[in-house]
Amino acid sequence: MDKKEILIGSLVGFAANFIGLVLVGFLMAKFYGRSDGVYEVLKVAGSENFIGKLISLGAILNLICFFFFLRKNQEARAAGVLTATVLIAVFTFLIKL
């Protein structure tokens, strides 16, 4: 596999997870009727030890990216997204320790 394509897939995976995390934070702020921004929701999540759950929910966008790359026959990029997802899972596990 081409290392450049795997790197691109990894970057897409990390970006998708970040976008998903911001989206989940935004939805939580709106769902609970808070006027706080996404930053405040993430700050509270960090202090109340449920940031790992938000990161995991943010990783749902990686699933969409993974299957998109598979459908386009870009297996190396899909492998990069999978690599990013595994690294995010390990990071989330370490946060919860």
C-alpha atoms as a PDB file:
ATOM      1  CA  MET A   1       0.000   0.000   0.000  1.00  0.00           C
ATOM      2  CA  ASP A   2       1.076   3.526  -0.652  1.00  0.00           C
ATOM      3  CA  LYS A   3       2.175   5.264   2.551  1.00  0.00           C
ATOM      4  CA  LYS A   4       1.023   8.639   1.236  1.00  0.00           C
ATOM      5  CA  GLU A   5      -2.522   7.340   0.752  1.00  0.00           C
ATOM      6  CA  ILE A   6      -2.539   5.818   4.241  1.00  0.00           C
ATOM      7  CA  LEU A   7      -1.384   9.148   5.667  1.00  0.00           C
ATOM      8  CA  ILE A   8      -4.151  10.977   3.794  1.00  0.00           C
ATOM      9  CA  GLY A   9      -6.686   8.487   5.147  1.00  0.00           C
ATOM     10  CA  SER A  10      -5.348   8.948   8.671  1.00  0.00           C
ATOM     11  CA  LEU A  11      -5.625  12.724   8.397  1.00  0.00           C
ATOM     12  CA  VAL A  12      -9.180  12.380   7.087  1.00  0.00           C
ATOM     13  CA  GLY A  13      -9.967  10.066  10.019  1.00  0.00           C
ATOM     14  CA  PHE A  14      -8.613  12.493  12.612  1.00  0.00           C
ATOM     15  CA  ALA A  15     -10.376  15.432  10.931  1.00  0.00           C
ATOM     16  CA  ALA A  16     -13.665  13.515  10.767  1.00  0.00           C
ATOM     17  CA  ASN A  17     -13.378  12.631  14.434  1.00  0.00           C
ATOM     18  CA  PHE A  18     -12.692  16.259  15.358  1.00  0.00           C
ATOM     19  CA  ILE A  19     -15.656  17.450  13.284  1.00  0.00           C
ATOM     20  CA  GLY A  20     -17.812  14.746  14.861  1.00  0.00           C
ATOM     21  CA  LEU A  21     -16.696  15.770  18.346  1.00  0.00           C
ATOM     22  CA  VAL A  22     -17.570  19.410  17.657  1.00  0.00           C
ATOM     23  CA  LEU A  23     -20.906  18.352  16.160  1.00  0.00           C
ATOM     24  CA  VAL A  24     -21.758  16.208  19.197  1.00  0.00           C
ATOM     25  CA  GLY A  25     -20.774  19.076  21.500  1.00  0.00           C
ATOM     26  CA  PHE A  26     -22.971  21.463  19.519  1.00  0.00           C
ATOM     27  CA  LEU A  27     -25.916  19.057  19.602  1.00  0.00           C
ATOM     28  CA  MET A  28     -25.517  18.539  23.341  1.00  0.00           C
ATOM     29  CA  ALA A  29     -25.490  22.284  23.913  1.00  0.00           C
ATOM     30  CA  LYS A  30     -28.676  22.707  21.876  1.00  0.00           C
ATOM     31  CA  PHE A  31     -30.377  19.605  23.306  1.00  0.00           C
ATOM     32  CA  TYR A  32     -29.916  20.715  26.888  1.00  0.00           C
ATOM     33  CA  GLY A  33     -30.920  24.289  26.072  1.00  0.00           C
ATOM     34  CA  ARG A  34     -27.607  25.749  27.106  1.00  0.00           C
ATOM     35  CA  SER A  35     -26.472  28.981  25.571  1.00  0.00           C
ATOM     36  CA  ASP A  36     -22.860  27.900  26.061  1.00  0.00           C
ATOM     37  CA  GLY A  37     -20.740  27.162  23.066  1.00  0.00           C
ATOM     38  CA  VAL A  38     -19.116  23.927  22.075  1.00  0.00           C
ATOM     39  CA  TYR A  39     -15.967  24.857  23.987  1.00  0.00           C
ATOM     40  CA  GLU A  40     -17.870  25.142  27.269  1.00  0.00           C
ATOM     41  CA  VAL A  41     -19.603  21.801  26.710  1.00  0.00           C
ATOM     42  CA  LEU A  42     -16.252  20.110  26.041  1.00  0.00           C
ATOM     43  CA  LYS A  43     -14.731  21.807  29.086  1.00  0.00           C
ATOM     44  CA  VAL A  44     -17.538  20.525  31.311  1.00  0.00           C
ATOM     45  CA  ALA A  45     -17.222  17.082  29.724  1.00  0.00           C
ATOM     46  CA  GLY A  46     -13.540  17.047  30.594  1.00  0.00           C
ATOM     47  CA  SER A  47     -14.132  18.077  34.187  1.00  0.00           C
ATOM     48  CA  GLU A  48     -16.967  15.572  34.687  1.00  0.00           C
ATOM     49  CA  ASN A  49     -15.047  12.714  33.045  1.00  0.00           C
ATOM     50  CA  PHE A  50     -17.353  11.964  30.127  1.00  0.00           C
ATOM     51  CA  ILE A  51     -15.132  13.399  27.389  1.00  0.00           C
ATOM     52  CA  GLY A  52     -14.267   9.842  26.326  1.00  0.00           C
ATOM     53  CA  LYS A  53     -17.905   9.192  25.493  1.00  0.00           C
ATOM     54  CA  LEU A  54     -18.053  12.334  23.369  1.00  0.00           C
ATOM     55  CA  ILE A  55     -14.872  11.342  21.531  1.00  0.00           C
ATOM     56  CA  SER A  56     -16.378   7.916  20.853  1.00  0.00           C
ATOM     57  CA  LEU A  57     -19.559   9.480  19.493  1.00  0.00           C
ATOM     58  CA  GLY A  58     -17.464  11.797  17.347  1.00  0.00           C
ATOM     59  CA  ALA A  59     -15.793   8.778  15.769  1.00  0.00           C
ATOM     60  CA  ILE A  60     -19.047   7.778  14.069  1.00  0.00           C
ATOM     61  CA  LEU A  61     -18.095  10.013  11.143  1.00  0.00           C
ATOM     62  CA  ASN A  62     -15.041   7.788  10.641  1.00  0.00           C
ATOM     63  CA  LEU A  63     -17.409   4.970   9.735  1.00  0.00           C
ATOM     64  CA  ILE A  64     -18.861   7.068   6.933  1.00  0.00           C
ATOM     65  CA  CYS A  65     -15.382   7.993   5.665  1.00  0.00           C
ATOM     66  CA  PHE A  66     -14.229   4.372   5.849  1.00  0.00           C
ATOM     67  CA  PHE A  67     -17.084   3.040   3.731  1.00  0.00           C
ATOM     68  CA  PHE A  68     -16.825   5.985   1.334  1.00  0.00           C
ATOM     69  CA  PHE A  69     -13.191   5.122   0.613  1.00  0.00           C
ATOM     70  CA  LEU A  70     -14.035   1.434   0.240  1.00  0.00           C
ATOM     71  CA  ARG A  71     -16.797   2.231  -2.224  1.00  0.00           C
ATOM     72  CA  LYS A  72     -14.343   4.335  -4.271  1.00  0.00           C
ATOM     73  CA  ASN A  73     -11.832   1.407  -4.218  1.00  0.00           C
ATOM     74  CA  GLN A  74      -9.322   3.428  -2.197  1.00  0.00           C
ATOM     75  CA  GLU A  75      -8.348   0.695   0.239  1.00  0.00           C
ATOM     76  CA  ALA A  76      -5.174   2.461   1.403  1.00  0.00           C
ATOM     77  CA  ARG A  77      -7.123   5.533   2.485  1.00  0.00           C
ATOM     78  CA  ALA A  78      -9.697   3.309   4.187  1.00  0.00           C
ATOM     79  CA  ALA A  79      -6.819   1.637   6.040  1.00  0.00           C
ATOM     80  CA  GLY A  80      -5.639   5.083   7.134  1.00  0.00           C
ATOM     81  CA  VAL A  81      -9.086   5.917   8.500  1.00  0.00           C
ATOM     82  CA  LEU A  82      -9.074   2.588  10.335  1.00  0.00           C
ATOM     83  CA  THR A  83      -5.636   3.378  11.769  1.00  0.00           C
ATOM     84  CA  ALA A  84      -6.863   6.759  13.004  1.00  0.00           C
ATOM     85  CA  THR A  85      -9.913   5.111  14.567  1.00  0.00           C
ATOM     86  CA  VAL A  86      -7.769   2.581  16.428  1.00  0.00           C
ATOM     87  CA  LEU A  87      -5.438   5.329  17.689  1.00  0.00           C
ATOM     88  CA  ILE A  88      -8.428   7.363  18.865  1.00  0.00           C
ATOM     89  CA  ALA A  89      -9.825   4.276  20.629  1.00  0.00           C
ATOM     90  CA  VAL A  90      -6.501   3.740  22.432  1.00  0.00           C
ATOM     91  CA  PHE A  91      -6.392   7.430  23.386  1.00  0.00           C
ATOM     92  CA  THR A  92      -9.962   7.236  24.710  1.00  0.00           C
ATOM     93  CA  PHE A  93      -9.070   4.123  26.707  1.00  0.00           C
ATOM     94  CA  LEU A  94      -6.063   5.871  28.229  1.00  0.00           C
ATOM     95  CA  ILE A  95      -8.180   8.885  29.197  1.00  0.00           C
ATOM     96  CA  LYS A  96     -10.570   6.659  31.130  1.00  0.00           C
ATOM     97  CA  LEU A  97      -7.789   5.085  33.224  1.00  0.00           C
END
